Amino acid sequence: MRAWQLAAGATSIDDLSLIEMPDPVPGPGEVAIRVHACSLNYRDQAIVRGQYMGGPVPSPIVPLSDGAGEVVAIGPGVSRFRAGDRVAGTFFQDWVDGPPNPHTGPALGAAGGRGMLAETVLLPEQGVVSIAASLSYAEAATLPCAGVTAWNALFEGPRPVRPGDRVLLLGTGGVSTIALLLAKAAGCEVIVTSSSDAKLERAKALGADHGVNYKAIEDWGRHVGTTLGGVDKVVEVGGAGTLHQSFAALRHNAEVALIGVLNPVGGPNPAALMMTGSILRGIFVGSRRMAERLAGAVDANGIKPVIGATFSFEDAKAAYAYVESPDLFGKAVIAFS
């Protein structure tokens, strides 16, 4: 079979190569999945550049956490799946349920974990989830990281959104676009930020109620908090560099769900949380049960994840380039056939 492999010590996309590998055979408790589609996240760029947690990968890996496909074989002892099932991997292989904990196991697509950018992958049974029945493989491949992250931010923790709540989404990437669709399905009013008026119009076409161009309105957090009346939830994909703006956008008793990888430099004064009785909650993807709840909500509400561009398996490097380009909207997908 073919797989893309990132070399040990990799620091650029030039260290990613298409190679031949032996066809994998599932061992006890393992599921063999013929992958039909993968998607990319911002995290994947950092891994290729050697800038992810721990620095460059110490040994070769197959990249990408997000992929969906068909079960082609199961190992001894597997009871949850059979050949022909439509499945995806879970971001954390051992986090089945419950709150964040120190025993989530390896994360797919990074050092110490398996990756999805191969024609066939082996995963342990507990690290596999059935995909939404209403989605194609390409659509389902967008959800394991970005979709579960958005679900966790909106619906898990002490302050899940309710109908009538107001939600602020930063940008129009993978997490923000699926969060937009989920929040609207939940009856929320949604505000989206972008530096592009064209992307704001696309977000409004997906259901966003308001768009704020953060280049045109430099103090956009205060604008959301005063002119637009504030929000009950911020899905904060920026990080320390934008947190002061997110704090300024809050109503009382609100929550900032911090994903925070795009703009990690800075350090806001947290006094705004004190003044509004709000909380800051860290989000690092989520559990298998969250992925299952997300799939159920997708089917129940007819949600279709936003795919901005699709690339062939052989052209995987172009998908990486798209994710880093100003053209990115929604998710970049690699379709295997």
Protein backbone atom coordinates (compact mmCIF):
# COMPACT_ATOMS: atom_id res chain seq x y z
CA MET A 1 0.00 0.00 0.00
CA ARG A 2 0.95 3.66 -0.33
CA ALA A 3 1.36 6.12 2.51
CA TRP A 4 2.73 9.59 3.04
CA GLN A 5 5.59 9.63 5.51
CA LEU A 6 7.12 12.55 7.38
CA ALA A 7 10.84 12.09 7.96
CA ALA A 8 12.47 12.17 11.38
CA GLY A 9 13.52 15.71 12.26
CA ALA A 10 11.23 17.20 9.61
CA THR A 11 11.04 20.99 9.41
CA SER A 12 9.26 21.56 6.08
CA ILE A 13 6.84 20.06 3.57
CA ASP A 14 9.90 18.89 1.60
CA ASP A 15 10.36 16.25 4.30
CA LEU A 16 7.04 14.60 3.36
CA SER A 17 7.32 11.68 0.91
CA LEU A 18 4.97 9.19 -0.74
CA ILE A 19 6.25 5.68 -0.01
CA GLU A 20 5.28 2.02 -0.34
CA MET A 21 4.59 0.10 2.85
CA PRO A 22 3.49 -3.50 3.55
CA ASP A 23 -0.26 -4.03 3.77
CA PRO A 24 -1.11 -4.02 7.50
CA VAL A 25 -2.78 -7.00 9.16
CA PRO A 26 -4.90 -6.34 12.26
CA GLY A 27 -3.76 -7.92 15.49
CA PRO A 28 -5.85 -8.56 18.59
CA GLY A 29 -8.24 -5.67 19.28
CA GLU A 30 -7.31 -3.86 16.05
CA VAL A 31 -9.40 -2.64 13.10
CA ALA A 32 -8.04 -2.30 9.56
CA ILE A 33 -9.55 0.70 7.75
CA ARG A 34 -9.31 1.43 4.03
CA VAL A 35 -9.13 5.22 4.11
CA HIS A 36 -11.27 7.08 1.58
CA ALA A 37 -10.60 10.67 2.64
CA CYS A 38 -8.54 12.78 5.05
CA SER A 39 -8.68 16.42 6.08
CA LEU A 40 -6.05 18.82 7.38
CA ASN A 41 -5.93 20.99 10.48
CA TYR A 42 -3.66 23.87 11.46
CA ARG A 43 -1.92 21.44 13.81
CA ASP A 44 -0.74 19.41 10.82
CA GLN A 45 1.19 22.41 9.48
CA ALA A 46 2.98 22.79 12.80
CA ILE A 47 3.95 19.11 12.83
CA VAL A 48 5.43 19.29 9.33
CA ARG A 49 7.42 22.41 10.30
CA GLY A 50 8.74 20.77 13.46
CA GLN A 51 6.96 23.34 15.61
CA TYR A 52 4.40 21.14 17.34
CA MET A 53 4.63 20.04 20.97
CA GLY A 54 8.07 18.58 21.59
CA GLY A 55 9.54 19.94 18.35
CA PRO A 56 10.42 17.90 15.25
CA VAL A 57 9.23 14.29 15.20
CA PRO A 58 12.03 12.03 16.50
CA SER A 59 11.18 9.18 14.12
CA PRO A 60 9.26 8.87 10.82
CA ILE A 61 5.47 9.11 11.10
CA VAL A 62 2.41 8.91 8.88
CA PRO A 63 0.76 12.33 9.35
CA LEU A 64 -2.82 13.57 9.81
CA SER A 65 -5.29 12.87 12.59
CA ASP A 66 -8.44 13.14 10.47
CA GLY A 67 -9.57 10.39 8.15
CA ALA A 68 -12.64 8.32 7.33
CA GLY A 69 -13.02 5.02 5.54
CA GLU A 70 -14.34 1.48 5.49
CA VAL A 71 -13.47 -1.38 7.80
CA VAL A 72 -11.84 -4.11 5.69
CA ALA A 73 -10.71 -6.50 8.43
CA ILE A 74 -10.85 -6.93 12.19
CA GLY A 75 -8.48 -8.63 14.59
CA PRO A 76 -9.29 -11.21 17.25
CA GLY A 77 -11.50 -9.90 20.04
CA VAL A 78 -13.00 -6.96 18.13
CA SER A 79 -16.74 -6.70 18.84
CA ARG A 80 -17.77 -3.11 17.99
CA PHE A 81 -17.09 -3.27 14.23
CA ARG A 82 -17.22 -5.58 11.27
CA ALA A 83 -16.09 -5.44 7.65
CA GLY A 84 -18.00 -2.83 5.64
CA ASP A 85 -18.65 -0.43 8.52
CA ARG A 86 -18.10 3.27 7.78
CA VAL A 87 -15.78 4.69 10.41
CA ALA A 88 -13.25 7.33 11.41
CA GLY A 89 -10.41 7.43 13.89
CA THR A 90 -10.67 9.42 17.11
CA PHE A 91 -8.11 12.14 17.76
CA PHE A 92 -7.14 10.72 21.19
CA GLN A 93 -7.04 6.96 20.97
CA ASP A 94 -7.76 6.21 24.64
CA TRP A 95 -10.15 9.02 25.64
CA VAL A 96 -13.48 7.25 25.48
CA ASP A 97 -15.61 9.40 27.81
CA GLY A 98 -15.56 11.77 30.74
CA PRO A 99 -13.68 15.01 31.38
CA PRO A 100 -10.14 15.79 30.21
CA ASN A 101 -7.62 13.56 31.97
CA PRO A 102 -3.94 12.59 31.81
CA HIS A 103 -4.70 9.20 30.24
CA THR A 104 -6.09 10.14 26.82
CA GLY A 105 -3.46 8.08 25.01
CA PRO A 106 -1.57 9.01 21.85
CA ALA A 107 -3.00 11.56 19.45
CA LEU A 108 -3.20 10.54 15.81
CA GLY A 109 -0.84 12.12 13.31
CA ALA A 110 1.91 13.19 15.72
CA ALA A 111 4.97 11.72 17.40
CA GLY A 112 4.08 8.53 19.24
CA GLY A 113 0.81 8.03 17.38
CA ARG A 114 -0.41 6.47 14.16
CA GLY A 115 -1.54 8.60 11.23
CA MET A 116 -4.38 8.55 8.71
CA LEU A 117 -2.63 9.62 5.47
CA ALA A 118 -2.25 6.06 4.19
CA GLU A 119 -4.36 3.80 2.02
CA THR A 120 -4.93 1.40 4.93
CA VAL A 121 -4.46 2.08 8.63
CA LEU A 122 -4.67 -0.03 11.77
CA LEU A 123 -6.30 1.45 14.85
CA PRO A 124 -7.27 -0.06 18.19
CA GLU A 125 -10.99 -0.73 18.46
CA GLN A 126 -11.52 1.84 21.21
CA GLY A 127 -9.99 4.54 18.97
CA VAL A 128 -12.55 4.14 16.19
CA VAL A 129 -16.02 5.66 15.84
CA SER A 130 -18.88 5.15 13.37
CA ILE A 131 -19.37 8.16 11.11
CA ALA A 132 -22.63 10.02 10.56
CA ALA A 133 -24.86 8.07 8.19
CA SER A 134 -25.80 11.19 6.23
CA LEU A 135 -22.22 12.19 5.36
CA SER A 136 -19.88 11.18 2.58
CA TYR A 137 -16.43 9.95 3.51
CA ALA A 138 -15.00 13.34 2.53
CA GLU A 139 -17.47 15.19 4.77
CA ALA A 140 -16.95 12.79 7.67
CA ALA A 141 -13.18 13.19 7.38
CA THR A 142 -13.49 16.86 8.41
CA LEU A 143 -14.85 16.07 11.89
CA PRO A 144 -12.41 14.06 14.10
CA CYS A 145 -10.38 17.11 15.18
CA ALA A 146 -12.14 20.32 14.11
CA GLY A 147 -15.68 18.99 14.48
CA VAL A 148 -15.16 17.44 17.91
CA THR A 149 -13.31 20.57 19.03
CA ALA A 150 -16.27 22.73 17.99
CA TRP A 151 -18.73 20.34 19.66
CA ASN A 152 -16.75 20.38 22.90
CA ALA A 153 -16.51 24.18 22.86
CA LEU A 154 -20.24 24.67 22.31
CA PHE A 155 -21.98 21.84 24.14
CA GLU A 156 -19.68 20.32 26.76
CA GLY A 157 -18.42 21.71 30.06
CA PRO A 158 -20.32 23.76 32.65
CA ARG A 159 -21.92 26.26 30.25
CA PRO A 160 -23.25 24.58 27.10
CA VAL A 161 -25.04 26.88 24.69
CA ARG A 162 -28.83 27.09 24.74
CA PRO A 163 -31.37 28.35 22.20
CA GLY A 164 -31.18 32.14 22.07
CA ASP A 165 -27.55 32.35 23.18
CA ARG A 166 -25.14 34.51 21.22
CA VAL A 167 -21.91 32.94 19.94
CA LEU A 168 -18.77 34.61 18.60
CA LEU A 169 -16.60 32.66 16.15
CA LEU A 170 -13.13 33.83 15.15
CA GLY A 171 -12.36 33.35 11.46
CA THR A 172 -13.74 30.97 8.86
CA GLY A 173 -11.48 27.93 9.16
CA GLY A 174 -12.49 24.38 9.93
CA VAL A 175 -13.40 24.76 13.60
CA SER A 176 -15.30 28.02 13.08
CA THR A 177 -17.35 26.87 10.07
CA ILE A 178 -18.57 23.65 11.69
CA ALA A 179 -19.21 25.59 14.92
CA LEU A 180 -21.34 28.01 12.89
CA LEU A 181 -23.50 25.20 11.55
CA LEU A 182 -23.82 23.53 14.96
CA ALA A 183 -24.62 26.76 16.78
CA LYS A 184 -27.33 27.70 14.28
CA ALA A 185 -28.85 24.23 14.55
CA ALA A 186 -28.96 24.78 18.33
CA GLY A 187 -30.93 28.01 17.92
CA CYS A 188 -28.09 30.45 18.61
CA GLU A 189 -27.34 33.84 17.14
CA VAL A 190 -23.88 33.81 15.58
CA ILE A 191 -21.28 36.51 14.98
CA VAL A 192 -18.26 35.72 12.77
CA THR A 193 -15.02 37.65 12.39
CA SER A 194 -12.73 37.74 9.35
CA SER A 195 -10.33 40.06 7.58
CA SER A 196 -12.19 39.37 4.32
CA ASP A 197 -15.59 40.82 3.50
CA ALA A 198 -16.01 38.10 0.88
CA LYS A 199 -15.53 35.40 3.51
CA LEU A 200 -17.97 37.17 5.83
CA GLU A 201 -20.57 37.03 3.07
CA ARG A 202 -19.92 33.32 2.65
CA ALA A 203 -20.36 32.87 6.40
CA LYS A 204 -23.66 34.74 6.27
CA ALA A 205 -24.77 32.44 3.46
CA LEU A 206 -24.16 29.56 5.88
CA GLY A 207 -26.37 31.22 8.49
CA ALA A 208 -24.19 33.72 10.37
CA ASP A 209 -26.26 36.63 11.68
CA HIS A 210 -23.45 39.21 11.84
CA GLY A 211 -20.01 39.64 10.32
CA VAL A 212 -17.19 41.78 11.73
CA ASN A 213 -14.12 42.64 9.66
CA TYR A 214 -11.33 42.82 12.23
CA LYS A 215 -9.09 44.77 9.87
CA ALA A 216 -11.73 47.45 9.40
CA ILE A 217 -12.74 47.46 13.10
CA GLU A 218 -9.51 47.19 15.07
CA ASP A 219 -11.21 47.08 18.47
CA TRP A 220 -13.57 44.37 17.31
CA GLY A 221 -14.02 42.75 20.71
CA ARG A 222 -15.39 45.92 22.24
CA HIS A 223 -17.51 46.44 19.13
CA VAL A 224 -19.08 43.00 19.63
CA GLY A 225 -19.48 43.63 23.37
CA THR A 226 -21.12 47.05 23.06
CA THR A 227 -22.49 47.81 19.59
CA LEU A 228 -23.66 44.24 19.00
CA GLY A 229 -24.67 43.56 22.60
CA GLY A 230 -22.10 40.96 23.65
CA VAL A 231 -22.01 37.17 23.50
CA ASP A 232 -22.52 34.18 25.77
CA LYS A 233 -19.81 32.03 24.19
CA VAL A 234 -16.60 32.67 22.28
CA VAL A 235 -15.01 29.84 20.29
CA GLU A 236 -11.48 31.23 20.66
CA VAL A 237 -9.23 29.72 18.00
CA GLY A 238 -6.73 32.58 18.15
CA GLY A 239 -5.13 32.36 21.56
CA ALA A 240 -3.30 34.71 23.90
CA GLY A 241 -2.99 37.35 21.20
CA THR A 242 -6.75 37.70 20.77
CA LEU A 243 -8.03 36.83 24.25
CA HIS A 244 -8.29 40.48 25.33
CA GLN A 245 -10.67 41.06 22.41
CA SER A 246 -12.71 37.97 23.30
CA PHE A 247 -12.96 39.06 26.93
CA ALA A 248 -14.27 42.46 25.80
CA ALA A 249 -17.01 40.74 23.79
CA LEU A 250 -18.55 38.88 26.76
CA ARG A 251 -21.90 39.27 28.41
CA HIS A 252 -22.28 38.31 32.07
CA ASN A 253 -21.92 34.63 32.98
CA ALA A 254 -20.36 33.81 29.62
CA GLU A 255 -17.57 31.45 28.55
CA VAL A 256 -14.50 31.67 26.35
CA ALA A 257 -13.71 28.22 24.98
CA LEU A 258 -9.97 28.41 24.33
CA ILE A 259 -8.55 26.41 21.43
CA GLY A 260 -5.95 29.09 20.85
CA VAL A 261 -3.34 27.95 18.31
CA LEU A 262 -3.39 30.64 15.61
CA ASN A 263 -2.18 33.62 17.66
CA PRO A 264 -0.52 32.19 20.78
CA VAL A 265 1.62 35.21 21.74
CA GLY A 266 0.41 37.72 24.31
CA GLY A 267 -1.12 37.80 27.75
CA PRO A 268 -4.40 39.59 28.52
CA ASN A 269 -5.47 40.97 31.87
CA PRO A 270 -8.14 38.54 33.12
CA ALA A 271 -9.99 41.27 35.03
CA ALA A 272 -12.73 41.25 32.39
CA LEU A 273 -13.66 37.72 33.49
CA MET A 274 -14.06 38.94 37.05
CA MET A 275 -16.25 41.86 35.99
CA THR A 276 -18.66 39.64 34.03
CA GLY A 277 -18.50 36.47 36.13
CA SER A 278 -17.33 34.60 33.04
CA ILE A 279 -14.97 31.65 32.67
CA LEU A 280 -12.11 30.59 30.42
CA ARG A 281 -12.15 26.88 29.56
CA GLY A 282 -9.36 25.07 27.75
CA ILE A 283 -10.37 22.86 24.81
CA PHE A 284 -8.13 20.12 23.41
CA VAL A 285 -10.38 18.26 20.94
CA GLY A 286 -12.51 15.75 22.90
CA SER A 287 -13.50 12.18 23.66
CA ARG A 288 -14.97 9.37 21.55
CA ARG A 289 -18.36 9.93 23.18
CA MET A 290 -18.24 13.56 22.04
CA ALA A 291 -17.51 12.35 18.50
CA GLU A 292 -20.53 10.04 18.73
CA ARG A 293 -22.78 12.82 20.00
CA LEU A 294 -21.54 15.06 17.19
CA ALA A 295 -22.36 12.40 14.58
CA GLY A 296 -25.87 12.09 16.00
CA ALA A 297 -26.41 15.85 15.87
CA VAL A 298 -25.10 16.01 12.30
CA ASP A 299 -27.59 13.34 11.19
CA ALA A 300 -30.50 14.82 13.15
CA ASN A 301 -30.00 18.34 11.79
CA GLY A 302 -28.84 17.62 8.24
CA ILE A 303 -25.52 19.40 8.80
CA LYS A 304 -23.01 19.32 5.96
CA PRO A 305 -19.45 20.29 6.89
CA VAL A 306 -17.87 22.99 4.73
CA ILE A 307 -15.18 21.72 2.33
CA GLY A 308 -13.25 24.58 0.81
CA ALA A 309 -11.10 22.52 -1.57
CA THR A 310 -10.44 18.87 -2.42
CA PHE A 311 -7.13 17.35 -3.51
CA SER A 312 -6.08 13.92 -4.75
CA PHE A 313 -4.04 11.54 -2.62
CA GLU A 314 -1.04 12.06 -4.88
CA ASP A 315 -1.38 15.85 -4.54
CA ALA A 316 -1.41 15.89 -0.73
CA LYS A 317 1.28 18.57 -0.55
CA ALA A 318 -1.03 20.99 -2.38
CA ALA A 319 -3.60 20.48 0.38
CA TYR A 320 -1.01 21.61 2.93
CA ALA A 321 -0.33 24.70 0.82
CA TYR A 322 -4.05 25.53 0.63
CA VAL A 323 -4.44 25.41 4.40
CA GLU A 324 -1.71 28.05 4.73
CA SER A 325 -3.10 30.26 1.96
CA PRO A 326 -5.50 33.21 2.31
CA ASP A 327 -7.97 31.21 0.19
CA LEU A 328 -8.74 28.80 3.04
CA PHE A 329 -12.42 28.57 3.91
CA GLY A 330 -13.70 25.60 5.86
CA LYS A 331 -11.67 22.44 5.43
CA ALA A 332 -9.13 21.07 2.97
CA VAL A 333 -9.86 17.43 2.06
CA ILE A 334 -7.67 14.77 0.45
CA ALA A 335 -9.83 12.29 -1.45
CA PHE A 336 -8.21 8.92 -2.15
CA SER A 337 -10.27 8.06 -5.23
